[in-house]
Amino acid sequence: MEYKYKTQGVCSSEIKFEINGNIISNVSFVGGCNGNLKAISKLVEGMRVEEIEEKLSGNTCGWRNTSCADQFAKAVRKAYEESRKNC
């Protein structure tokens, strides 16, 4: 299932990805630090929601209390919970 998440408090405005069970693939960010976000997208390809949360949740950016990585961790959890409700 394709999922889109509107970010809050970061430079990227949206995160798009696919979720199949608890596996994440085809991640892309709209806006933000292009090189860093492309790298994150490659690194998380095929990872489980729990692994992504463990590695990226709570990551901050500068003075912000969140980051694109932290927002992604929130997005995959939300997508996973919503996909479970639809089963």
PDB file of N, CA and C in Angstrom:
ATOM      1  N   MET A   1       0.841  -1.177   0.000  1.00  0.00           N
ATOM      2  CA  MET A   1       0.000   0.000   0.000  1.00  0.00           C
ATOM      3  C   MET A   1       0.888   1.243   0.000  1.00  0.00           C
ATOM      4  N   GLU A   2       0.573   2.190  -0.879  1.00  0.00           N
ATOM      5  CA  GLU A   2       1.323   3.445  -0.895  1.00  0.00           C
ATOM      6  C   GLU A   2       0.791   4.359   0.206  1.00  0.00           C
ATOM      7  N   TYR A   3       1.693   5.067   0.854  1.00  0.00           N
ATOM      8  CA  TYR A   3       1.322   5.929   1.962  1.00  0.00           C
ATOM      9  C   TYR A   3       2.009   7.278   1.792  1.00  0.00           C
ATOM     10  N   LYS A   4       1.292   8.352   2.115  1.00  0.00           N
ATOM     11  CA  LYS A   4       1.850   9.710   2.089  1.00  0.00           C
ATOM     12  C   LYS A   4       1.659  10.316   3.471  1.00  0.00           C
ATOM     13  N   TYR A   5       2.717  10.960   3.943  1.00  0.00           N
ATOM     14  CA  TYR A   5       2.694  11.555   5.285  1.00  0.00           C
ATOM     15  C   TYR A   5       3.121  13.018   5.176  1.00  0.00           C
ATOM     16  N   LYS A   6       2.286  13.916   5.659  1.00  0.00           N
ATOM     17  CA  LYS A   6       2.616  15.344   5.702  1.00  0.00           C
ATOM     18  C   LYS A   6       3.453  15.606   6.948  1.00  0.00           C
ATOM     19  N   THR A   7       4.666  16.081   6.755  1.00  0.00           N
ATOM     20  CA  THR A   7       5.582  16.307   7.878  1.00  0.00           C
ATOM     21  C   THR A   7       5.227  17.591   8.622  1.00  0.00           C
ATOM     22  N   GLN A   8       5.781  17.710   9.816  1.00  0.00           N
ATOM     23  CA  GLN A   8       5.584  18.901  10.645  1.00  0.00           C
ATOM     24  C   GLN A   8       6.917  19.328  11.244  1.00  0.00           C
ATOM     25  N   GLY A   9       7.237  20.613  11.111  1.00  0.00           N
ATOM     26  CA  GLY A   9       8.402  21.174  11.774  1.00  0.00           C
ATOM     27  C   GLY A   9       9.740  20.874  11.135  1.00  0.00           C
ATOM     28  N   VAL A  10       9.735  20.423   9.866  1.00  0.00           N
ATOM     29  CA  VAL A  10      10.985  20.113   9.176  1.00  0.00           C
ATOM     30  C   VAL A  10      10.965  20.700   7.763  1.00  0.00           C
ATOM     31  N   CYS A  11      12.091  20.640   7.090  1.00  0.00           N
ATOM     32  CA  CYS A  11      12.204  21.220   5.750  1.00  0.00           C
ATOM     33  C   CYS A  11      11.455  20.421   4.686  1.00  0.00           C
ATOM     34  N   SER A  12      11.448  19.105   4.798  1.00  0.00           N
ATOM     35  CA  SER A  12      10.670  18.324   3.836  1.00  0.00           C
ATOM     36  C   SER A  12       9.185  18.516   4.147  1.00  0.00           C
ATOM     37  N   SER A  13       8.361  18.473   3.102  1.00  0.00           N
ATOM     38  CA  SER A  13       6.928  18.709   3.304  1.00  0.00           C
ATOM     39  C   SER A  13       6.108  17.421   3.306  1.00  0.00           C
ATOM     40  N   GLU A  14       6.680  16.359   2.727  1.00  0.00           N
ATOM     41  CA  GLU A  14       5.930  15.115   2.611  1.00  0.00           C
ATOM     42  C   GLU A  14       6.899  13.940   2.465  1.00  0.00           C
ATOM     43  N   ILE A  15       6.452  12.791   2.965  1.00  0.00           N
ATOM     44  CA  ILE A  15       7.213  11.554   2.807  1.00  0.00           C
ATOM     45  C   ILE A  15       6.278  10.546   2.158  1.00  0.00           C
ATOM     46  N   LYS A  16       6.767   9.905   1.106  1.00  0.00           N
ATOM     47  CA  LYS A  16       5.992   8.878   0.409  1.00  0.00           C
ATOM     48  C   LYS A  16       6.734   7.549   0.540  1.00  0.00           C
ATOM     49  N   PHE A  17       5.987   6.472   0.756  1.00  0.00           N
ATOM     50  CA  PHE A  17       6.601   5.152   0.840  1.00  0.00           C
ATOM     51  C   PHE A  17       5.538   4.088   0.667  1.00  0.00           C
ATOM     52  N   GLU A  18       5.985   2.862   0.511  1.00  0.00           N
ATOM     53  CA  GLU A  18       5.080   1.731   0.446  1.00  0.00           C
ATOM     54  C   GLU A  18       5.275   0.900   1.701  1.00  0.00           C
ATOM     55  N   ILE A  19       4.160   0.352   2.181  1.00  0.00           N
ATOM     56  CA  ILE A  19       4.204  -0.520   3.350  1.00  0.00           C
ATOM     57  C   ILE A  19       3.468  -1.805   3.000  1.00  0.00           C
ATOM     58  N   ASN A  20       4.137  -2.912   3.261  1.00  0.00           N
ATOM     59  CA  ASN A  20       3.566  -4.232   3.024  1.00  0.00           C
ATOM     60  C   ASN A  20       3.763  -5.031   4.308  1.00  0.00           C
ATOM     61  N   GLY A  21       2.694  -5.189   5.095  1.00  0.00           N
ATOM     62  CA  GLY A  21       2.859  -5.764   6.429  1.00  0.00           C
ATOM     63  C   GLY A  21       3.583  -4.748   7.282  1.00  0.00           C
ATOM     64  N   ASN A  22       4.779  -5.112   7.743  1.00  0.00           N
ATOM     65  CA  ASN A  22       5.592  -4.141   8.487  1.00  0.00           C
ATOM     66  C   ASN A  22       6.899  -3.827   7.764  1.00  0.00           C
ATOM     67  N   ILE A  23       6.937  -4.084   6.448  1.00  0.00           N
ATOM     68  CA  ILE A  23       8.126  -3.836   5.628  1.00  0.00           C
ATOM     69  C   ILE A  23       7.931  -2.558   4.807  1.00  0.00           C
ATOM     70  N   ILE A  24       8.944  -1.696   4.819  1.00  0.00           N
ATOM     71  CA  ILE A  24       8.904  -0.400   4.143  1.00  0.00           C
ATOM     72  C   ILE A  24       9.783  -0.438   2.889  1.00  0.00           C
ATOM     73  N   SER A  25       9.277   0.166   1.813  1.00  0.00           N
ATOM     74  CA  SER A  25      10.046   0.241   0.566  1.00  0.00           C
ATOM     75  C   SER A  25       9.676   1.505  -0.203  1.00  0.00           C
ATOM     76  N   ASN A  26      10.466   1.793  -1.236  1.00  0.00           N
ATOM     77  CA  ASN A  26      10.212   2.918  -2.159  1.00  0.00           C
ATOM     78  C   ASN A  26       9.979   4.241  -1.445  1.00  0.00           C
ATOM     79  N   VAL A  27      10.890   4.596  -0.563  1.00  0.00           N
ATOM     80  CA  VAL A  27      10.776   5.820   0.230  1.00  0.00           C
ATOM     81  C   VAL A  27      11.265   7.017  -0.575  1.00  0.00           C
ATOM     82  N   SER A  28      10.509   8.104  -0.524  1.00  0.00           N
ATOM     83  CA  SER A  28      10.974   9.361  -1.121  1.00  0.00           C
ATOM     84  C   SER A  28      10.460  10.524  -0.278  1.00  0.00           C
ATOM     85  N   PHE A  29      11.264  11.560  -0.204  1.00  0.00           N
ATOM     86  CA  PHE A  29      10.933  12.765   0.548  1.00  0.00           C
ATOM     87  C   PHE A  29      10.714  13.899  -0.445  1.00  0.00           C
ATOM     88  N   VAL A  30       9.764  14.767  -0.165  1.00  0.00           N
ATOM     89  CA  VAL A  30       9.524  15.953  -0.973  1.00  0.00           C
ATOM     90  C   VAL A  30      10.129  17.129  -0.211  1.00  0.00           C
ATOM     91  N   GLY A  31      11.144  17.761  -0.811  1.00  0.00           N
ATOM     92  CA  GLY A  31      11.847  18.856  -0.157  1.00  0.00           C
ATOM     93  C   GLY A  31      12.896  18.326   0.806  1.00  0.00           C
ATOM     94  N   GLY A  32      13.488  19.220   1.558  1.00  0.00           N
ATOM     95  CA  GLY A  32      14.500  18.819   2.533  1.00  0.00           C
ATOM     96  C   GLY A  32      15.889  18.719   1.934  1.00  0.00           C
ATOM     97  N   CYS A  33      16.811  18.147   2.677  1.00  0.00           N
ATOM     98  CA  CYS A  33      18.216  17.994   2.274  1.00  0.00           C
ATOM     99  C   CYS A  33      18.349  16.794   1.344  1.00  0.00           C
ATOM    100  N   ASN A  34      18.348  17.061   0.077  1.00  0.00           N
ATOM    101  CA  ASN A  34      18.259  16.041  -0.957  1.00  0.00           C
ATOM    102  C   ASN A  34      19.206  14.868  -0.765  1.00  0.00           C
ATOM    103  N   GLY A  35      20.482  15.127  -0.617  1.00  0.00           N
ATOM    104  CA  GLY A  35      21.457  14.040  -0.499  1.00  0.00           C
ATOM    105  C   GLY A  35      21.248  13.184   0.739  1.00  0.00           C
ATOM    106  N   ASN A  36      21.031  13.828   1.863  1.00  0.00           N
ATOM    107  CA  ASN A  36      20.818  13.089   3.112  1.00  0.00           C
ATOM    108  C   ASN A  36      19.551  12.246   3.048  1.00  0.00           C
ATOM    109  N   LEU A  37      18.501  12.801   2.494  1.00  0.00           N
ATOM    110  CA  LEU A  37      17.236  12.082   2.458  1.00  0.00           C
ATOM    111  C   LEU A  37      17.249  10.950   1.439  1.00  0.00           C
ATOM    112  N   LYS A  38      18.004  11.117   0.356  1.00  0.00           N
ATOM    113  CA  LYS A  38      18.188  10.001  -0.584  1.00  0.00           C
ATOM    114  C   LYS A  38      18.930   8.866   0.114  1.00  0.00           C
ATOM    115  N   ALA A  39      19.920   9.215   0.919  1.00  0.00           N
ATOM    116  CA  ALA A  39      20.691   8.197   1.646  1.00  0.00           C
ATOM    117  C   ALA A  39      19.794   7.457   2.643  1.00  0.00           C
ATOM    118  N   ILE A  40      18.986   8.191   3.384  1.00  0.00           N
ATOM    119  CA  ILE A  40      18.067   7.546   4.329  1.00  0.00           C
ATOM    120  C   ILE A  40      17.145   6.598   3.581  1.00  0.00           C
ATOM    121  N   SER A  41      16.619   7.055   2.452  1.00  0.00           N
ATOM    122  CA  SER A  41      15.716   6.220   1.656  1.00  0.00           C
ATOM    123  C   SER A  41      16.362   4.904   1.257  1.00  0.00           C
ATOM    124  N   LYS A  42      17.612   4.951   0.854  1.00  0.00           N
ATOM    125  CA  LYS A  42      18.336   3.730   0.472  1.00  0.00           C
ATOM    126  C   LYS A  42      18.611   2.842   1.681  1.00  0.00           C
ATOM    127  N   LEU A  43      18.980   3.445   2.785  1.00  0.00           N
ATOM    128  CA  LEU A  43      19.338   2.674   3.978  1.00  0.00           C
ATOM    129  C   LEU A  43      18.153   1.949   4.605  1.00  0.00           C
ATOM    130  N   VAL A  44      16.966   2.507   4.494  1.00  0.00           N
ATOM    131  CA  VAL A  44      15.806   1.888   5.137  1.00  0.00           C
ATOM    132  C   VAL A  44      15.042   0.937   4.214  1.00  0.00           C
ATOM    133  N   GLU A  45      15.434   0.844   2.966  1.00  0.00           N
ATOM    134  CA  GLU A  45      14.755  -0.025   2.001  1.00  0.00           C
ATOM    135  C   GLU A  45      14.680  -1.456   2.539  1.00  0.00           C
ATOM    136  N   GLY A  46      13.473  -1.987   2.638  1.00  0.00           N
ATOM    137  CA  GLY A  46      13.261  -3.358   3.093  1.00  0.00           C
ATOM    138  C   GLY A  46      13.288  -3.554   4.602  1.00  0.00           C
ATOM    139  N   MET A  47      13.437  -2.471   5.358  1.00  0.00           N
ATOM    140  CA  MET A  47      13.475  -2.584   6.815  1.00  0.00           C
ATOM    141  C   MET A  47      12.073  -2.709   7.394  1.00  0.00           C
ATOM    142  N   ARG A  48      12.014  -3.277   8.591  1.00  0.00           N
ATOM    143  CA  ARG A  48      10.758  -3.379   9.340  1.00  0.00           C
ATOM    144  C   ARG A  48      10.475  -2.058  10.059  1.00  0.00           C
ATOM    145  N   VAL A  49       9.222  -1.787  10.287  1.00  0.00           N
ATOM    146  CA  VAL A  49       8.796  -0.576  10.988  1.00  0.00           C
ATOM    147  C   VAL A  49       9.546  -0.433  12.307  1.00  0.00           C
ATOM    148  N   GLU A  50       9.646  -1.506  13.068  1.00  0.00           N
ATOM    149  CA  GLU A  50      10.298  -1.468  14.387  1.00  0.00           C
ATOM    150  C   GLU A  50      11.780  -1.089  14.280  1.00  0.00           C
ATOM    151  N   GLU A  51      12.455  -1.577  13.259  1.00  0.00           N
ATOM    152  CA  GLU A  51      13.874  -1.239  13.056  1.00  0.00           C
ATOM    153  C   GLU A  51      14.036   0.242  12.748  1.00  0.00           C
ATOM    154  N   ILE A  52      13.154   0.765  11.907  1.00  0.00           N
ATOM    155  CA  ILE A  52      13.219   2.180  11.543  1.00  0.00           C
ATOM    156  C   ILE A  52      12.977   3.045  12.768  1.00  0.00           C
ATOM    157  N   GLU A  53      11.976   2.696  13.555  1.00  0.00           N
ATOM    158  CA  GLU A  53      11.696   3.450  14.782  1.00  0.00           C
ATOM    159  C   GLU A  53      12.893   3.425  15.726  1.00  0.00           C
ATOM    160  N   GLU A  54      13.477   2.263  15.897  1.00  0.00           N
ATOM    161  CA  GLU A  54      14.612   2.112  16.810  1.00  0.00           C
ATOM    162  C   GLU A  54      15.787   2.997  16.402  1.00  0.00           C
ATOM    163  N   LYS A  55      16.045   3.090  15.114  1.00  0.00           N
ATOM    164  CA  LYS A  55      17.209   3.837  14.638  1.00  0.00           C
ATOM    165  C   LYS A  55      16.955   5.331  14.462  1.00  0.00           C
ATOM    166  N   LEU A  56      15.731   5.726  14.099  1.00  0.00           N
ATOM    167  CA  LEU A  56      15.494   7.114  13.692  1.00  0.00           C
ATOM    168  C   LEU A  56      14.629   7.939  14.640  1.00  0.00           C
ATOM    169  N   SER A  57      13.838   7.294  15.467  1.00  0.00           N
ATOM    170  CA  SER A  57      12.942   8.016  16.367  1.00  0.00           C
ATOM    171  C   SER A  57      13.737   8.867  17.356  1.00  0.00           C
ATOM    172  N   GLY A  58      13.302  10.105  17.517  1.00  0.00           N
ATOM    173  CA  GLY A  58      13.960  11.009  18.470  1.00  0.00           C
ATOM    174  C   GLY A  58      15.137  11.779  17.912  1.00  0.00           C
ATOM    175  N   ASN A  59      15.518  11.508  16.675  1.00  0.00           N
ATOM    176  CA  ASN A  59      16.611  12.232  16.034  1.00  0.00           C
ATOM    177  C   ASN A  59      16.186  13.691  15.827  1.00  0.00           C
ATOM    178  N   THR A  60      17.044  14.636  16.174  1.00  0.00           N
ATOM    179  CA  THR A  60      16.713  16.053  16.030  1.00  0.00           C
ATOM    180  C   THR A  60      17.558  16.698  14.949  1.00  0.00           C
ATOM    181  N   CYS A  61      17.146  17.892  14.527  1.00  0.00           N
ATOM    182  CA  CYS A  61      17.867  18.641  13.500  1.00  0.00           C
ATOM    183  C   CYS A  61      18.063  20.068  13.995  1.00  0.00           C
ATOM    184  N   GLY A  62      19.309  20.434  14.265  1.00  0.00           N
ATOM    185  CA  GLY A  62      19.595  21.779  14.751  1.00  0.00           C
ATOM    186  C   GLY A  62      18.817  22.078  16.010  1.00  0.00           C
ATOM    187  N   TRP A  63      18.138  23.205  16.035  1.00  0.00           N
ATOM    188  CA  TRP A  63      17.372  23.635  17.207  1.00  0.00           C
ATOM    189  C   TRP A  63      15.990  22.994  17.273  1.00  0.00           C
ATOM    190  N   ARG A  64      15.598  22.284  16.227  1.00  0.00           N
ATOM    191  CA  ARG A  64      14.271  21.661  16.194  1.00  0.00           C
ATOM    192  C   ARG A  64      14.221  20.438  17.108  1.00  0.00           C
ATOM    193  N   ASN A  65      13.049  20.121  17.619  1.00  0.00           N
ATOM    194  CA  ASN A  65      12.916  18.925  18.454  1.00  0.00           C
ATOM    195  C   ASN A  65      12.526  17.697  17.633  1.00  0.00           C
ATOM    196  N   THR A  66      12.624  17.806  16.313  1.00  0.00           N
ATOM    197  CA  THR A  66      12.355  16.708  15.397  1.00  0.00           C
ATOM    198  C   THR A  66      13.306  16.821  14.208  1.00  0.00           C
ATOM    199  N   SER A  67      13.208  15.913  13.289  1.00  0.00           N
ATOM    200  CA  SER A  67      14.014  15.931  12.062  1.00  0.00           C
ATOM    201  C   SER A  67      13.239  15.172  11.001  1.00  0.00           C
ATOM    202  N   CYS A  68      13.726  15.199   9.775  1.00  0.00           N
ATOM    203  CA  CYS A  68      13.082  14.420   8.716  1.00  0.00           C
ATOM    204  C   CYS A  68      13.120  12.929   9.066  1.00  0.00           C
ATOM    205  N   ALA A  69      14.205  12.474   9.653  1.00  0.00           N
ATOM    206  CA  ALA A  69      14.323  11.068  10.059  1.00  0.00           C
ATOM    207  C   ALA A  69      13.310  10.737  11.144  1.00  0.00           C
ATOM    208  N   ASP A  70      13.166  11.610  12.130  1.00  0.00           N
ATOM    209  CA  ASP A  70      12.191  11.414  13.197  1.00  0.00           C
ATOM    210  C   ASP A  70      10.771  11.422  12.637  1.00  0.00           C
ATOM    211  N   GLN A  71      10.499  12.331  11.724  1.00  0.00           N
ATOM    212  CA  GLN A  71       9.186  12.381  11.088  1.00  0.00           C
ATOM    213  C   GLN A  71       8.912  11.093  10.309  1.00  0.00           C
ATOM    214  N   PHE A  72       9.937  10.552   9.676  1.00  0.00           N
ATOM    215  CA  PHE A  72       9.777   9.296   8.950  1.00  0.00           C
ATOM    216  C   PHE A  72       9.429   8.156   9.911  1.00  0.00           C
ATOM    217  N   ALA A  73      10.090   8.116  11.058  1.00  0.00           N
ATOM    218  CA  ALA A  73       9.778   7.094  12.065  1.00  0.00           C
ATOM    219  C   ALA A  73       8.317   7.210  12.503  1.00  0.00           C
ATOM    220  N   LYS A  74       7.832   8.436  12.693  1.00  0.00           N
ATOM    221  CA  LYS A  74       6.432   8.652  13.055  1.00  0.00           C
ATOM    222  C   LYS A  74       5.516   8.193  11.914  1.00  0.00           C
ATOM    223  N   ALA A  75       5.920   8.487  10.686  1.00  0.00           N
ATOM    224  CA  ALA A  75       5.107   8.145   9.512  1.00  0.00           C
ATOM    225  C   ALA A  75       4.941   6.642   9.357  1.00  0.00           C
ATOM    226  N   VAL A  76       6.032   5.896   9.520  1.00  0.00           N
ATOM    227  CA  VAL A  76       5.923   4.443   9.331  1.00  0.00           C
ATOM    228  C   VAL A  76       5.073   3.812  10.429  1.00  0.00           C
ATOM    229  N   ARG A  77       5.159   4.319  11.640  1.00  0.00           N
ATOM    230  CA  ARG A  77       4.313   3.797  12.722  1.00  0.00           C
ATOM    231  C   ARG A  77       2.843   4.082  12.430  1.00  0.00           C
ATOM    232  N   LYS A  78       2.548   5.309  12.003  1.00  0.00           N
ATOM    233  CA  LYS A  78       1.169   5.675  11.697  1.00  0.00           C
ATOM    234  C   LYS A  78       0.625   4.822  10.550  1.00  0.00           C
ATOM    235  N   ALA A  79       1.409   4.642   9.503  1.00  0.00           N
ATOM    236  CA  ALA A  79       0.995   3.831   8.355  1.00  0.00           C
ATOM    237  C   ALA A  79       0.745   2.389   8.783  1.00  0.00           C
ATOM    238  N   TYR A  80       1.625   1.859   9.617  1.00  0.00           N
ATOM    239  CA  TYR A  80       1.484   0.487  10.086  1.00  0.00           C
ATOM    240  C   TYR A  80       0.199   0.326  10.892  1.00  0.00           C
ATOM    241  N   GLU A  81      -0.056   1.247  11.809  1.00  0.00           N
ATOM    242  CA  GLU A  81      -1.262   1.169  12.637  1.00  0.00           C
ATOM    243  C   GLU A  81      -2.511   1.287  11.773  1.00  0.00           C
ATOM    244  N   GLU A  82      -2.507   2.197  10.808  1.00  0.00           N
ATOM    245  CA  GLU A  82      -3.664   2.358   9.916  1.00  0.00           C
ATOM    246  C   GLU A  82      -3.879   1.115   9.052  1.00  0.00           C
ATOM    247  N   SER A  83      -2.788   0.506   8.581  1.00  0.00           N
ATOM    248  CA  SER A  83      -2.919  -0.684   7.729  1.00  0.00           C
ATOM    249  C   SER A  83      -3.488  -1.851   8.529  1.00  0.00           C
ATOM    250  N   ARG A  84      -3.178  -1.935   9.808  1.00  0.00           N
ATOM    251  CA  ARG A  84      -3.699  -3.005  10.664  1.00  0.00           C
ATOM    252  C   ARG A  84      -5.192  -2.837  10.913  1.00  0.00           C
ATOM    253  N   LYS A  85      -5.656  -1.587  10.988  1.00  0.00           N
ATOM    254  CA  LYS A  85      -7.083  -1.321  11.198  1.00  0.00           C
ATOM    255  C   LYS A  85      -7.907  -1.730   9.972  1.00  0.00           C
ATOM    256  N   ASN A  86      -7.271  -1.627   8.792  1.00  0.00           N
ATOM    257  CA  ASN A  86      -7.969  -1.907   7.545  1.00  0.00           C
ATOM    258  C   ASN A  86      -7.998  -3.392   7.191  1.00  0.00           C
ATOM    259  N   CYS A  87      -7.387  -4.236   8.016  1.00  0.00           N
ATOM    260  CA  CYS A  87      -7.358  -5.664   7.721  1.00  0.00           C
ATOM    261  C   CYS A  87      -8.654  -6.347   8.094  1.00  0.00           C
TER     262      CYS A  87
END
